[in-house]
């Protein structure tokens, strides 16, 4: 027996909800990206939050679902997963929020750098 399901109307929240866990802050810093397969590149950090960041890079191996580490200013690299890639930019979600001991990352969060 098959039952047809009624289609629910879209609400404005369903069209484009803000899903981020915390606010993004504009940032400009060089970052080193390393894939789990050994590829490495430098990228420009465009924005950052406690839970992720956006970088500018056109490297071919940077694809959605790729596990990477991302580091800045010689600090320990943070593990992340690439969530989206388009037009020379990529969005990353950190596997854990930025730890308190990552002073350079927190300095980026606290800076008032504008676009």
Protein backbone atom coordinates (compact mmCIF):
# COMPACT_ATOMS: atom_id res chain seq x y z
CA UNK A 1 0.00 0.00 0.00
CA UNK A 2 1.41 3.37 -0.91
CA UNK A 3 0.34 6.64 0.62
CA UNK A 4 0.99 9.99 -0.96
CA UNK A 5 2.55 12.49 1.37
CA UNK A 6 1.35 16.04 1.34
CA UNK A 7 3.97 18.58 0.38
CA UNK A 8 4.68 21.04 3.17
CA UNK A 9 4.80 24.70 2.19
CA UNK A 10 8.22 26.33 2.41
CA UNK A 11 8.65 29.00 5.01
CA UNK A 12 11.15 31.81 4.78
CA UNK A 13 13.27 30.07 7.44
CA UNK A 14 13.47 26.91 5.35
CA UNK A 15 14.67 28.81 2.28
CA UNK A 16 17.87 30.18 3.79
CA UNK A 17 18.24 29.76 7.54
CA UNK A 18 21.38 30.91 9.31
CA UNK A 19 22.85 27.58 10.43
CA UNK A 20 26.13 28.80 11.86
CA UNK A 21 26.73 28.14 15.53
CA UNK A 22 28.62 31.40 16.06
CA UNK A 23 29.26 34.67 14.26
CA UNK A 24 31.92 34.87 11.56
CA UNK A 25 34.57 37.59 11.84
CA UNK A 26 36.39 38.99 8.80
CA UNK A 27 40.06 38.03 8.88
CA UNK A 28 43.14 38.33 6.71
CA UNK A 29 45.91 35.86 7.44
CA UNK A 30 47.90 33.25 5.58
CA UNK A 31 46.96 29.70 6.46
CA UNK A 32 48.60 26.39 5.67
CA UNK A 33 46.21 23.65 4.57
CA UNK A 34 47.19 19.98 4.62
CA UNK A 35 44.99 17.13 3.41
CA UNK A 36 44.79 13.69 4.97
CA UNK A 37 46.49 12.43 1.75
CA UNK A 38 49.59 14.61 2.16
CA UNK A 39 48.74 17.51 -0.17
CA UNK A 40 49.67 20.96 1.15
CA UNK A 41 49.00 24.53 0.08
CA UNK A 42 48.83 28.06 1.42
CA UNK A 43 45.52 29.91 1.42
CA UNK A 44 44.23 33.29 2.55
CA UNK A 45 41.89 33.21 5.52
CA UNK A 46 38.79 35.30 4.70
CA UNK A 47 36.74 34.86 7.86
CA UNK A 48 36.73 32.82 11.04
CA UNK A 49 34.41 31.72 13.85
CA UNK A 50 34.81 29.39 16.82
CA UNK A 51 33.49 26.55 14.66
CA UNK A 52 34.87 27.18 11.19
CA UNK A 53 36.41 29.45 8.61
CA UNK A 54 36.46 30.44 4.97
CA UNK A 55 39.63 30.46 2.88
CA UNK A 56 40.54 31.68 -0.59
CA UNK A 57 42.36 29.04 -2.62
CA UNK A 58 42.00 27.50 -6.07
CA UNK A 59 43.81 24.21 -5.47
CA UNK A 60 42.18 21.24 -7.20
CA UNK A 61 42.40 18.79 -4.29
CA UNK A 62 40.28 20.99 -1.98
CA UNK A 63 36.86 19.35 -2.32
CA UNK A 64 33.72 19.01 -0.23
CA UNK A 65 34.15 16.24 2.35
CA UNK A 66 37.97 16.42 2.41
CA UNK A 67 39.48 16.18 5.89
CA UNK A 68 42.22 18.76 6.34
CA UNK A 69 44.25 20.52 8.97
CA UNK A 70 44.55 24.29 8.90
CA UNK A 71 47.23 26.24 10.70
CA UNK A 72 48.21 29.89 11.09
CA UNK A 73 51.28 31.66 12.46
CA UNK A 74 53.12 28.47 13.42
CA UNK A 75 50.42 27.31 15.85
CA UNK A 76 49.22 23.74 16.00
CA UNK A 77 46.94 23.05 13.06
CA UNK A 78 43.22 22.57 13.66
CA UNK A 79 41.48 19.53 12.15
CA UNK A 80 38.54 20.41 9.90
CA UNK A 81 36.30 19.13 7.12
CA UNK A 82 35.64 21.05 3.91
CA UNK A 83 31.90 21.79 3.78
CA UNK A 84 31.72 23.69 0.49
CA UNK A 85 33.93 24.88 -2.39
CA UNK A 86 33.02 27.49 -5.01
CA UNK A 87 34.62 30.27 -7.04
CA UNK A 88 38.06 29.97 -5.45
CA UNK A 89 36.74 29.88 -1.85
CA UNK A 90 36.14 27.03 0.57
CA UNK A 91 34.23 26.79 3.84
CA UNK A 92 35.64 24.62 6.60
CA UNK A 93 34.04 23.31 9.77
CA UNK A 94 36.47 22.64 12.61
CA UNK A 95 36.06 19.20 14.14
CA UNK A 96 36.15 20.87 17.58
CA UNK A 97 35.77 24.54 18.56
CA UNK A 98 39.02 26.52 18.67
CA UNK A 99 40.72 25.59 21.96
CA UNK A 100 41.65 28.37 24.43
CA UNK A 101 45.39 27.75 23.99
CA UNK A 102 45.25 28.75 20.27
CA UNK A 103 46.11 32.39 20.93
CA UNK A 104 46.53 33.44 17.26
CA UNK A 105 43.10 32.06 16.30
CA UNK A 106 41.50 33.87 19.26
CA UNK A 107 43.32 37.08 18.31
CA UNK A 108 41.66 36.85 14.87
CA UNK A 109 38.27 36.38 16.51
CA UNK A 110 38.79 39.40 18.73
CA UNK A 111 40.27 41.73 16.11
CA UNK A 112 38.12 44.38 14.50
CA UNK A 113 39.53 43.77 11.03
CA UNK A 114 37.00 44.82 8.40
CA UNK A 115 36.63 43.83 4.77
